[in-house]
C-alpha cells in the first residue's frame, strides 16, 4: 500500500483538523439554544393541552347545537303540517257554511 505525502494533502488534512476542532469548541451556544428550545417546549405543552380540551369542548357544543337545530327543524315541520291541515279544515268548513246558506236561500 502506497501512502502519498504531498504538501497539498498535508495542508488539506491540517485544515480538516482545524475545522473539526473549531466545530467541537463551538458546542456551548448550540447547547444553550437547545436548552432554550426545551424550555419553550415545556411552556407550550400545557397551552397545547388547553387548546386541545377547548377544541373538544367546542366540538361537543357544536354537536349539541346541531342536535338542537334538528329538533327545532322537526318541530317547525310539524307545525307547518298542522297549519296546512288546519287551513284545509277551515276551507272545508267555510265551503259547508256557504253551501248551507245557498241551500236555505234557494228554498
Protein backbone atom coordinates (compact mmCIF):
# COMPACT_ATOMS: atom_id res chain seq x y z
CA UNK A 1 0.00 0.00 0.00
CA UNK A 2 1.36 3.35 -1.00
CA UNK A 3 0.74 6.48 1.05
CA UNK A 4 1.23 9.76 -0.77
CA UNK A 5 2.58 12.51 1.46
CA UNK A 6 2.49 15.68 -0.56
CA UNK A 7 2.39 19.16 0.92
CA UNK A 8 -1.09 19.75 -0.50
CA UNK A 9 -2.54 16.66 1.13
CA UNK A 10 -0.82 17.54 4.42
CA UNK A 11 -2.29 21.07 4.30
CA UNK A 12 -5.72 19.64 3.48
CA UNK A 13 -5.52 17.25 6.42
CA UNK A 14 -4.38 20.07 8.71
CA UNK A 15 -7.24 22.29 7.52
CA UNK A 16 -9.70 19.47 8.13
CA UNK A 17 -8.36 19.03 11.68
CA UNK A 18 -8.70 22.77 12.32
CA UNK A 19 -12.30 22.79 11.07
CA UNK A 20 -13.22 19.79 13.17
CA UNK A 21 -11.52 21.20 16.25
CA UNK A 22 -13.24 24.57 15.84
CA UNK A 23 -16.57 22.81 15.44
CA UNK A 24 -16.09 20.93 18.68
CA UNK A 25 -15.35 24.03 20.72
CA UNK A 26 -18.49 25.83 19.48
CA UNK A 27 -21.00 23.50 21.16
CA UNK A 28 -21.85 25.82 24.06
CA UNK A 29 -24.10 28.17 22.02
CA UNK A 30 -25.80 25.19 20.39
CA UNK A 31 -26.40 23.63 23.81
CA UNK A 32 -27.80 26.96 25.05
CA UNK A 33 -30.16 27.06 22.06
CA UNK A 34 -31.28 23.50 22.74
CA UNK A 35 -31.94 24.36 26.38
CA UNK A 36 -33.94 27.42 25.28
CA UNK A 37 -35.98 25.30 22.87
CA UNK A 38 -36.64 22.75 25.60
CA UNK A 39 -37.91 25.46 27.96
CA UNK A 40 -40.14 26.89 25.22
CA UNK A 41 -41.49 23.42 24.53
CA UNK A 42 -42.24 22.86 28.20
CA UNK A 43 -44.16 26.15 28.25
CA UNK A 44 -46.10 25.21 25.11
CA UNK A 45 -47.15 21.76 26.28
CA UNK A 46 -49.80 22.99 28.77
CA UNK A 47 -51.05 25.52 26.21
CA UNK A 48 -51.43 22.78 23.62
CA UNK A 49 -53.28 20.60 26.13
CA UNK A 50 -55.57 23.51 26.99
CA UNK A 51 -56.25 24.27 23.33
CA UNK A 52 -56.97 20.59 22.74
CA UNK A 53 -59.50 20.44 25.59
CA UNK A 54 -61.12 23.66 24.35
CA UNK A 55 -61.39 22.18 20.86
CA UNK A 56 -63.02 19.05 22.26
CA UNK A 57 -65.47 21.17 24.25
CA UNK A 58 -66.25 23.28 21.18
CA UNK A 59 -66.88 20.14 19.13
CA UNK A 60 -69.28 18.91 21.83
CA UNK A 61 -71.09 22.25 21.79
CA UNK A 62 -71.32 22.12 18.02
CA UNK A 63 -72.83 18.63 18.15
CA UNK A 64 -75.31 19.79 20.78
CA UNK A 65 -76.24 22.83 18.69
CA UNK A 66 -76.70 20.64 15.62
CA UNK A 67 -79.00 18.31 17.57
CA UNK A 68 -81.00 21.30 18.85
CA UNK A 69 -81.29 22.68 15.34
CA UNK A 70 -82.51 19.32 14.10
CA UNK A 71 -85.16 19.18 16.86
CA UNK A 72 -86.21 22.74 16.03
CA UNK A 73 -86.49 21.88 12.33
CA UNK A 74 -88.59 18.85 13.19
CA UNK A 75 -90.89 20.99 15.36
CA UNK A 76 -91.18 23.58 12.58
CA UNK A 77 -92.04 20.87 10.04
CA UNK A 78 -94.72 19.50 12.39
CA UNK A 79 -96.14 22.99 12.95
CA UNK A 80 -96.22 23.65 9.21
CA UNK A 81 -98.04 20.38 8.56
CA UNK A 82 -100.52 21.15 11.33
CA UNK A 83 -101.10 24.63 9.89
CA UNK A 84 -101.76 23.17 6.41
CA UNK A 85 -104.19 20.64 7.88
CA UNK A 86 -105.96 23.38 9.85
CA UNK A 87 -106.17 25.60 6.77
CA UNK A 88 -107.73 22.75 4.78
CA UNK A 89 -110.22 22.09 7.59
CA UNK A 90 -111.15 25.80 7.75
CA UNK A 91 -111.66 25.90 3.99
CA UNK A 92 -113.85 22.80 4.20
CA UNK A 93 -115.97 24.33 6.98
CA UNK A 94 -116.31 27.61 5.05
CA UNK A 95 -117.42 25.68 1.99
CA UNK A 96 -120.04 23.80 4.03
CA UNK A 97 -121.31 27.08 5.51
CA UNK A 98 -121.52 28.64 2.04
CA UNK A 99 -123.45 25.62 0.72
CA UNK A 100 -125.79 25.79 3.73
CA UNK A 101 -126.60 29.46 3.14
CA UNK A 102 -127.06 28.90 -0.60
CA UNK A 103 -129.35 25.95 0.12
CA UNK A 104 -131.53 27.95 2.54
CA UNK A 105 -131.72 30.91 0.16
CA UNK A 106 -132.81 28.74 -2.72
CA UNK A 107 -135.83 27.39 -0.79
